[in-house]
Amino acid sequence: MKTLYQFLTVIIVFLPAQLLLSQQTDEKRMNVEVSVKDGKNQVVSALKSYTISYNKTLLNNEDKSSDVKAFYLSLDFEKPDISLLRAFVQNKAGLDGQITVTDFYGKLPSRKIEFKSAVMELMTDQTTGDYYSMYINLSSNTLIIDGLKIEH
């Protein structure tokens, strides 16, 4: 009987610990990348996240010119990418590119967001003792989300 109690005690103590340790680790599930074609060179950079916004109020009835860029893309980078920053700084006319999202486990469908004639509107770079972040905001006049073309 004493052996049975010891065995049950071991199971009760170590089973929850094993369940906690067997939980999924803090690995990334999604791979998010932005790629931009700068002349002959293709620049690819890893992203932590991205956000897409559309501002219809920028478009009024009188001004339907192609200068208006109503789509905004906010890119949050994993690490600094000077080559991508250089591509946007040197090209004032705008660059074409895409954001691809891939699930490492293959359970979620891949996504592809394409942007045309995107120009850099804002750049933020922040560094502390143990943290780094770089954000770039782009504006574009055409956006294609998973094959659906959105124009103004």
C-alpha atoms as a PDB file:
ATOM      1  CA  MET A   1       0.000   0.000   0.000  1.00  0.00           C
ATOM      2  CA  LYS A   2       2.880   2.360   0.807  1.00  0.00           C
ATOM      3  CA  THR A   3       4.330   1.740  -2.651  1.00  0.00           C
ATOM      4  CA  LEU A   4       0.998   2.619  -4.250  1.00  0.00           C
ATOM      5  CA  TYR A   5       0.890   5.954  -2.395  1.00  0.00           C
ATOM      6  CA  GLN A   6       4.455   6.753  -3.439  1.00  0.00           C
ATOM      7  CA  PHE A   7       3.631   5.915  -7.034  1.00  0.00           C
ATOM      8  CA  LEU A   8       0.508   8.107  -6.978  1.00  0.00           C
ATOM      9  CA  THR A   9       2.475  10.935  -5.355  1.00  0.00           C
ATOM     10  CA  VAL A  10       5.092  10.782  -8.101  1.00  0.00           C
ATOM     11  CA  ILE A  11       2.385  10.827 -10.786  1.00  0.00           C
ATOM     12  CA  ILE A  12       0.519  13.726  -9.152  1.00  0.00           C
ATOM     13  CA  VAL A  13       3.712  15.777  -8.778  1.00  0.00           C
ATOM     14  CA  PHE A  14       5.396  15.088 -12.120  1.00  0.00           C
ATOM     15  CA  LEU A  15       2.412  14.801 -14.472  1.00  0.00           C
ATOM     16  CA  PRO A  16       1.455  18.511 -14.258  1.00  0.00           C
ATOM     17  CA  ALA A  17       5.117  19.466 -14.667  1.00  0.00           C
ATOM     18  CA  GLN A  18       5.361  17.288 -17.775  1.00  0.00           C
ATOM     19  CA  LEU A  19       2.162  18.826 -19.175  1.00  0.00           C
ATOM     20  CA  LEU A  20       3.546  22.317 -18.634  1.00  0.00           C
ATOM     21  CA  LEU A  21       6.849  21.479 -20.287  1.00  0.00           C
ATOM     22  CA  SER A  22       5.184  19.776 -23.234  1.00  0.00           C
ATOM     23  CA  GLN A  23       3.217  22.890 -24.170  1.00  0.00           C
ATOM     24  CA  GLN A  24       4.120  24.566 -27.437  1.00  0.00           C
ATOM     25  CA  THR A  25       7.244  26.657 -27.209  1.00  0.00           C
ATOM     26  CA  ASP A  26       7.377  30.344 -28.029  1.00  0.00           C
ATOM     27  CA  GLU A  27       8.376  29.751 -31.634  1.00  0.00           C
ATOM     28  CA  LYS A  28       6.976  31.856 -34.415  1.00  0.00           C
ATOM     29  CA  ARG A  29       4.099  30.287 -36.255  1.00  0.00           C
ATOM     30  CA  MET A  30       3.826  32.799 -39.083  1.00  0.00           C
ATOM     31  CA  ASN A  31       6.536  33.952 -41.460  1.00  0.00           C
ATOM     32  CA  VAL A  32       5.895  37.511 -42.670  1.00  0.00           C
ATOM     33  CA  GLU A  33       8.182  39.048 -45.297  1.00  0.00           C
ATOM     34  CA  VAL A  34       8.160  42.152 -47.447  1.00  0.00           C
ATOM     35  CA  SER A  35       9.916  42.217 -50.793  1.00  0.00           C
ATOM     36  CA  VAL A  36      10.500  45.230 -53.021  1.00  0.00           C
ATOM     37  CA  LYS A  37      11.960  45.369 -56.513  1.00  0.00           C
ATOM     38  CA  ASP A  38      14.460  48.215 -56.770  1.00  0.00           C
ATOM     39  CA  GLY A  39      15.601  48.287 -60.367  1.00  0.00           C
ATOM     40  CA  LYS A  40      17.369  44.976 -60.931  1.00  0.00           C
ATOM     41  CA  ASN A  41      17.703  44.157 -57.240  1.00  0.00           C
ATOM     42  CA  GLN A  42      15.089  42.436 -55.095  1.00  0.00           C
ATOM     43  CA  VAL A  43      15.188  43.437 -51.418  1.00  0.00           C
ATOM     44  CA  VAL A  44      13.559  41.008 -48.939  1.00  0.00           C
ATOM     45  CA  SER A  45      13.117  41.695 -45.232  1.00  0.00           C
ATOM     46  CA  ALA A  46      11.426  39.903 -42.316  1.00  0.00           C
ATOM     47  CA  LEU A  47       8.509  41.626 -40.567  1.00  0.00           C
ATOM     48  CA  LYS A  48       7.052  41.243 -37.095  1.00  0.00           C
ATOM     49  CA  SER A  49       3.712  42.567 -38.312  1.00  0.00           C
ATOM     50  CA  TYR A  50       1.989  44.765 -40.857  1.00  0.00           C
ATOM     51  CA  THR A  51      -1.176  46.858 -40.978  1.00  0.00           C
ATOM     52  CA  ILE A  52      -3.201  48.003 -43.983  1.00  0.00           C
ATOM     53  CA  SER A  53      -5.422  51.099 -43.896  1.00  0.00           C
ATOM     54  CA  TYR A  54      -7.605  52.796 -46.490  1.00  0.00           C
ATOM     55  CA  ASN A  55      -8.525  56.483 -46.278  1.00  0.00           C
ATOM     56  CA  LYS A  56     -11.399  57.268 -48.632  1.00  0.00           C
ATOM     57  CA  THR A  57     -11.639  60.881 -47.431  1.00  0.00           C
ATOM     58  CA  LEU A  58      -8.445  61.672 -49.341  1.00  0.00           C
ATOM     59  CA  LEU A  59     -10.380  61.109 -52.535  1.00  0.00           C
ATOM     60  CA  ASN A  60     -12.742  63.889 -53.483  1.00  0.00           C
ATOM     61  CA  ASN A  61     -14.829  64.159 -56.637  1.00  0.00           C
ATOM     62  CA  GLU A  62     -12.714  66.877 -58.277  1.00  0.00           C
ATOM     63  CA  ASP A  63      -9.329  65.250 -57.789  1.00  0.00           C
ATOM     64  CA  LYS A  64      -9.073  61.780 -59.297  1.00  0.00           C
ATOM     65  CA  SER A  65      -5.383  62.091 -60.107  1.00  0.00           C
ATOM     66  CA  SER A  66      -2.992  59.234 -59.624  1.00  0.00           C
ATOM     67  CA  ASP A  67      -1.018  61.361 -57.139  1.00  0.00           C
ATOM     68  CA  VAL A  68      -3.466  60.502 -54.367  1.00  0.00           C
ATOM     69  CA  LYS A  69      -2.340  57.432 -52.475  1.00  0.00           C
ATOM     70  CA  ALA A  70      -5.196  56.324 -50.229  1.00  0.00           C
ATOM     71  CA  PHE A  71      -3.760  52.970 -49.095  1.00  0.00           C
ATOM     72  CA  TYR A  72      -1.398  52.943 -46.127  1.00  0.00           C
ATOM     73  CA  LEU A  73       0.840  50.068 -45.124  1.00  0.00           C
ATOM     74  CA  SER A  74       2.593  50.099 -41.748  1.00  0.00           C
ATOM     75  CA  LEU A  75       5.515  47.693 -41.551  1.00  0.00           C
ATOM     76  CA  ASP A  76       7.047  46.594 -38.235  1.00  0.00           C
ATOM     77  CA  PHE A  77      10.489  45.066 -38.837  1.00  0.00           C
ATOM     78  CA  GLU A  78      12.196  42.296 -36.866  1.00  0.00           C
ATOM     79  CA  LYS A  79      15.620  43.863 -37.358  1.00  0.00           C
ATOM     80  CA  PRO A  80      16.990  46.938 -39.138  1.00  0.00           C
ATOM     81  CA  ASP A  81      17.059  46.686 -42.907  1.00  0.00           C
ATOM     82  CA  ILE A  82      19.078  49.539 -44.348  1.00  0.00           C
ATOM     83  CA  SER A  83      18.903  48.164 -47.901  1.00  0.00           C
ATOM     84  CA  LEU A  84      15.086  48.387 -47.889  1.00  0.00           C
ATOM     85  CA  LEU A  85      15.209  51.846 -46.334  1.00  0.00           C
ATOM     86  CA  ARG A  86      17.760  52.925 -48.959  1.00  0.00           C
ATOM     87  CA  ALA A  87      15.515  51.635 -51.765  1.00  0.00           C
ATOM     88  CA  PHE A  88      12.601  53.813 -50.617  1.00  0.00           C
ATOM     89  CA  VAL A  89      14.765  56.868 -49.896  1.00  0.00           C
ATOM     90  CA  GLN A  90      16.447  56.779 -53.304  1.00  0.00           C
ATOM     91  CA  ASN A  91      13.289  56.091 -55.320  1.00  0.00           C
ATOM     92  CA  LYS A  92      10.876  59.020 -54.973  1.00  0.00           C
ATOM     93  CA  ALA A  93       8.523  57.800 -57.751  1.00  0.00           C
ATOM     94  CA  GLY A  94       7.473  54.738 -55.764  1.00  0.00           C
ATOM     95  CA  LEU A  95       8.255  51.044 -55.698  1.00  0.00           C
ATOM     96  CA  ASP A  96       6.222  47.920 -56.354  1.00  0.00           C
ATOM     97  CA  GLY A  97       6.393  45.121 -53.838  1.00  0.00           C
ATOM     98  CA  GLN A  98       4.559  42.481 -51.888  1.00  0.00           C
ATOM     99  CA  ILE A  99       4.018  41.149 -48.399  1.00  0.00           C
ATOM    100  CA  THR A 100       3.818  37.370 -48.044  1.00  0.00           C
ATOM    101  CA  VAL A 101       2.475  35.563 -44.992  1.00  0.00           C
ATOM    102  CA  THR A 102       3.155  31.842 -44.600  1.00  0.00           C
ATOM    103  CA  ASP A 103       2.055  29.475 -41.821  1.00  0.00           C
ATOM    104  CA  PHE A 104       4.951  27.205 -40.804  1.00  0.00           C
ATOM    105  CA  TYR A 105       2.486  24.469 -39.785  1.00  0.00           C
ATOM    106  CA  GLY A 106       0.558  24.652 -43.064  1.00  0.00           C
ATOM    107  CA  LYS A 107      -2.834  24.916 -41.343  1.00  0.00           C
ATOM    108  CA  LEU A 108      -3.644  28.464 -42.434  1.00  0.00           C
ATOM    109  CA  PRO A 109      -3.658  29.597 -46.062  1.00  0.00           C
ATOM    110  CA  SER A 110      -0.792  31.729 -47.315  1.00  0.00           C
ATOM    111  CA  ARG A 111      -1.500  35.397 -47.973  1.00  0.00           C
ATOM    112  CA  LYS A 112      -0.065  37.743 -50.559  1.00  0.00           C
ATOM    113  CA  ILE A 113      -0.533  41.506 -50.431  1.00  0.00           C
ATOM    114  CA  GLU A 114       0.841  43.430 -53.415  1.00  0.00           C
ATOM    115  CA  PHE A 115       1.286  47.196 -53.529  1.00  0.00           C
ATOM    116  CA  LYS A 116       2.063  49.444 -56.481  1.00  0.00           C
ATOM    117  CA  SER A 117       3.932  52.780 -56.604  1.00  0.00           C
ATOM    118  CA  ALA A 118       4.443  52.842 -52.835  1.00  0.00           C
ATOM    119  CA  VAL A 119       6.392  55.726 -51.318  1.00  0.00           C
ATOM    120  CA  MET A 120       7.718  56.059 -47.788  1.00  0.00           C
ATOM    121  CA  GLU A 121       5.684  58.537 -45.742  1.00  0.00           C
ATOM    122  CA  LEU A 122       7.158  57.941 -42.287  1.00  0.00           C
ATOM    123  CA  MET A 123      10.008  56.054 -40.650  1.00  0.00           C
ATOM    124  CA  THR A 124      10.507  55.438 -36.941  1.00  0.00           C
ATOM    125  CA  ASP A 125      13.603  53.817 -35.453  1.00  0.00           C
ATOM    126  CA  GLN A 126      13.791  53.077 -31.722  1.00  0.00           C
ATOM    127  CA  THR A 127      16.529  51.388 -29.736  1.00  0.00           C
ATOM    128  CA  THR A 128      16.819  50.767 -26.001  1.00  0.00           C
ATOM    129  CA  GLY A 129      19.258  48.614 -24.058  1.00  0.00           C
ATOM    130  CA  ASP A 130      17.550  45.349 -24.969  1.00  0.00           C
ATOM    131  CA  TYR A 131      14.905  46.262 -27.527  1.00  0.00           C
ATOM    132  CA  TYR A 132      14.927  47.387 -31.123  1.00  0.00           C
ATOM    133  CA  SER A 133      12.096  48.444 -33.393  1.00  0.00           C
ATOM    134  CA  MET A 134      11.839  49.974 -36.838  1.00  0.00           C
ATOM    135  CA  TYR A 135       8.591  51.029 -38.469  1.00  0.00           C
ATOM    136  CA  ILE A 136       8.024  52.276 -41.991  1.00  0.00           C
ATOM    137  CA  ASN A 137       4.723  53.669 -43.246  1.00  0.00           C
ATOM    138  CA  LEU A 138       4.101  53.467 -46.975  1.00  0.00           C
ATOM    139  CA  SER A 139       1.363  54.998 -49.085  1.00  0.00           C
ATOM    140  CA  SER A 140       0.206  53.380 -52.300  1.00  0.00           C
ATOM    141  CA  ASN A 141      -2.448  53.956 -54.939  1.00  0.00           C
ATOM    142  CA  THR A 142      -3.125  50.282 -55.763  1.00  0.00           C
ATOM    143  CA  LEU A 143      -3.438  47.306 -53.446  1.00  0.00           C
ATOM    144  CA  ILE A 144      -3.985  43.649 -54.348  1.00  0.00           C
ATOM    145  CA  ILE A 145      -4.995  41.399 -51.447  1.00  0.00           C
ATOM    146  CA  ASP A 146      -4.933  37.681 -52.297  1.00  0.00           C
ATOM    147  CA  GLY A 147      -5.725  38.428 -55.939  1.00  0.00           C
ATOM    148  CA  LEU A 148      -8.451  41.035 -55.257  1.00  0.00           C
ATOM    149  CA  LYS A 149      -7.380  44.330 -56.855  1.00  0.00           C
ATOM    150  CA  ILE A 150      -8.453  47.432 -54.946  1.00  0.00           C
ATOM    151  CA  GLU A 151      -8.063  50.780 -56.672  1.00  0.00           C
ATOM    152  CA  HIS A 152      -9.433  54.224 -55.991  1.00  0.00           C
END
